[in-house]
Amino acid sequence: MAALTLKILLVIYILYALLKFFEFFFRKDEAMMKGLRMVYVDGGGRIIKIFDNVILIVMVVFVVLLFAGGMEYLSFTTGLLVGMTVIQVYFHRFSDPLPPEKSPEAPITALKMMSYSIQANPGKAWRELIFMTVLFVWALYMLATQGFGLFQGHP
């Protein structure tokens, strides 16, 4: 039961992650800026704090389900290190200063500046986005075929 629940949650979360990546390139600048202002100015960062607390709990549930369903330590450790490193390199792509028209209003926190930088130039991390997208698509394929037994021909 734990493994099936984890598979379902993984599919949902991967689809959400893929949607977020594609959103960077298809959402209009005005809509992006409005969203950032809503999160950081109007909400005072409260929305981010709530999201972070909820998603941390969800990640704990993922790990508990993984342990309950059986976990191979080498795959888990490799995935953990690769994921953390790709995110670090992703963030490093946004080290250039922002022009005043794309900069956040005061008060400026590190998270707020990073969010504005990513929204202003999402294509800077194109290599990392491609890498993550390929891994997510592969993971969805494996979940569909190996996890749920879909798309398998019957003789």
Protein backbone atom coordinates (compact mmCIF):
# COMPACT_ATOMS: atom_id res chain seq x y z
CA MET A 1 0.00 0.00 0.00
CA ALA A 2 2.86 2.40 0.84
CA ALA A 3 4.49 1.84 -2.55
CA LEU A 4 1.25 2.46 -4.47
CA THR A 5 0.52 5.62 -2.48
CA LEU A 6 4.06 6.85 -3.12
CA LYS A 7 3.74 6.15 -6.87
CA ILE A 8 0.51 8.15 -7.08
CA LEU A 9 1.98 11.06 -5.11
CA LEU A 10 5.12 11.03 -7.25
CA VAL A 11 3.11 11.24 -10.48
CA ILE A 12 1.12 14.19 -9.13
CA TYR A 13 4.20 16.02 -7.88
CA ILE A 14 6.22 15.41 -11.06
CA LEU A 15 3.35 16.73 -13.20
CA TYR A 16 3.23 19.82 -10.96
CA ALA A 17 7.01 20.29 -11.29
CA LEU A 18 6.86 19.99 -15.09
CA LEU A 19 4.01 22.49 -15.20
CA LYS A 20 6.06 24.97 -13.14
CA PHE A 21 9.04 24.67 -15.53
CA PHE A 22 6.93 25.27 -18.62
CA GLU A 23 5.09 28.10 -16.91
CA PHE A 24 8.33 30.12 -16.87
CA PHE A 25 8.41 30.23 -20.65
CA PHE A 26 4.74 30.68 -21.47
CA ARG A 27 3.43 33.06 -18.82
CA LYS A 28 3.51 36.73 -19.75
CA ASP A 29 5.89 39.04 -17.91
CA GLU A 30 3.02 41.07 -16.46
CA ALA A 31 1.44 37.94 -15.00
CA MET A 32 4.77 36.82 -13.53
CA MET A 33 5.36 40.20 -11.89
CA LYS A 34 1.80 40.29 -10.55
CA GLY A 35 2.32 36.85 -9.01
CA LEU A 36 5.61 37.86 -7.44
CA ARG A 37 4.09 41.01 -5.97
CA MET A 38 1.17 39.00 -4.58
CA VAL A 39 3.55 36.57 -2.87
CA TYR A 40 6.21 38.96 -1.63
CA VAL A 41 4.59 42.38 -1.32
CA ASP A 42 0.90 41.83 -0.64
CA GLY A 43 1.43 38.62 1.33
CA GLY A 44 4.66 39.72 3.00
CA GLY A 45 6.25 36.35 2.23
CA ARG A 46 3.59 34.55 4.30
CA ILE A 47 2.47 32.42 1.33
CA ILE A 48 6.03 31.16 0.81
CA LYS A 49 6.38 30.27 4.52
CA ILE A 50 3.11 28.33 4.46
CA PHE A 51 4.02 26.56 1.22
CA ASP A 52 7.49 25.67 2.54
CA ASN A 53 6.06 24.20 5.75
CA VAL A 54 3.44 22.18 3.88
CA ILE A 55 5.84 20.91 1.22
CA LEU A 56 8.40 19.90 3.85
CA ILE A 57 5.71 17.77 5.52
CA VAL A 58 4.82 16.27 2.11
CA MET A 59 8.50 15.42 1.52
CA VAL A 60 8.68 13.73 4.94
CA VAL A 61 5.61 11.69 3.93
CA PHE A 62 7.37 10.73 0.66
CA VAL A 63 10.44 9.52 2.56
CA VAL A 64 8.36 7.62 5.13
CA LEU A 65 6.42 5.93 2.31
CA LEU A 66 9.69 5.12 0.53
CA PHE A 67 11.13 3.50 3.66
CA ALA A 68 7.86 1.64 4.31
CA GLY A 69 7.71 0.37 0.73
CA GLY A 70 11.36 -0.66 0.63
CA MET A 71 14.24 1.59 -0.28
CA GLU A 72 17.56 0.92 -1.93
CA TYR A 73 20.09 3.13 -0.13
CA LEU A 74 22.44 3.66 -3.07
CA SER A 75 19.70 4.93 -5.40
CA PHE A 76 18.26 7.14 -2.68
CA THR A 77 21.64 8.66 -1.79
CA THR A 78 22.55 9.24 -5.43
CA GLY A 79 19.20 10.87 -6.15
CA LEU A 80 19.49 13.05 -3.06
CA LEU A 81 22.96 14.30 -3.99
CA VAL A 82 22.17 14.77 -7.70
CA GLY A 83 18.95 16.66 -6.90
CA MET A 84 20.59 18.94 -4.36
CA THR A 85 23.52 19.67 -6.67
CA VAL A 86 21.35 20.40 -9.72
CA ILE A 87 19.30 22.87 -7.67
CA GLN A 88 22.48 24.55 -6.41
CA VAL A 89 23.83 24.92 -9.96
CA TYR A 90 20.38 26.13 -11.11
CA PHE A 91 20.44 28.93 -8.54
CA HIS A 92 24.00 29.88 -9.50
CA ARG A 93 22.80 30.72 -13.04
CA PHE A 94 21.04 33.79 -11.63
CA SER A 95 24.07 35.63 -10.30
CA ASP A 96 23.84 38.67 -12.61
CA PRO A 97 22.41 41.91 -11.19
CA LEU A 98 18.83 42.72 -12.14
CA PRO A 99 17.97 45.98 -13.91
CA PRO A 100 15.94 48.37 -11.72
CA GLU A 101 12.71 47.75 -13.66
CA LYS A 102 12.89 44.01 -12.89
CA SER A 103 14.12 44.33 -9.29
CA PRO A 104 11.85 43.78 -6.30
CA GLU A 105 10.63 46.56 -4.08
CA ALA A 106 12.11 46.98 -0.61
CA PRO A 107 12.44 45.26 1.72
CA ILE A 108 14.57 42.86 -0.31
CA THR A 109 15.35 39.44 1.09
CA ALA A 110 17.67 36.92 -0.52
CA LEU A 111 14.71 34.68 -1.42
CA LYS A 112 12.77 37.59 -2.89
CA MET A 113 15.76 38.65 -5.03
CA MET A 114 16.32 35.08 -6.22
CA SER A 115 12.64 34.68 -7.16
CA TYR A 116 12.65 37.92 -9.12
CA SER A 117 15.91 36.94 -10.85
CA ILE A 118 14.50 33.57 -11.90
CA GLN A 119 11.26 35.13 -13.16
CA ALA A 120 13.17 37.82 -15.07
CA ASN A 121 15.48 35.36 -16.86
CA PRO A 122 14.26 31.76 -16.58
CA GLY A 123 16.22 30.75 -19.67
CA LYS A 124 19.55 31.28 -17.91
CA ALA A 125 19.20 27.84 -16.35
CA TRP A 126 18.23 26.12 -19.59
CA ARG A 127 20.73 23.26 -19.10
CA GLU A 128 19.45 22.46 -15.64
CA LEU A 129 15.83 22.78 -16.77
CA ILE A 130 16.44 20.38 -19.66
CA PHE A 131 18.23 17.94 -17.35
CA MET A 132 15.41 18.05 -14.78
CA THR A 133 12.73 17.79 -17.48
CA VAL A 134 14.38 14.74 -19.05
CA LEU A 135 14.64 13.10 -15.63
CA PHE A 136 11.01 13.92 -14.79
CA VAL A 137 9.75 12.58 -18.14
CA TRP A 138 11.81 9.41 -17.65
CA ALA A 139 10.44 9.07 -14.10
CA LEU A 140 6.85 9.45 -15.36
CA TYR A 141 7.53 6.83 -18.03
CA MET A 142 8.96 4.43 -15.45
CA LEU A 143 6.07 5.06 -13.06
CA ALA A 144 3.57 4.42 -15.85
CA THR A 145 5.24 1.30 -17.25
CA GLN A 146 7.02 -0.31 -14.30
CA GLY A 147 5.03 1.21 -11.45
CA PHE A 148 1.50 0.91 -12.83
CA GLY A 149 2.06 -1.58 -15.66
CA LEU A 150 0.57 0.72 -18.31
CA PHE A 151 1.47 0.72 -22.02
CA GLN A 152 2.66 -2.86 -21.98
CA GLY A 153 1.61 -4.98 -24.93
CA HIS A 154 -0.29 -8.16 -24.38
CA PRO A 155 0.66 -11.12 -26.62
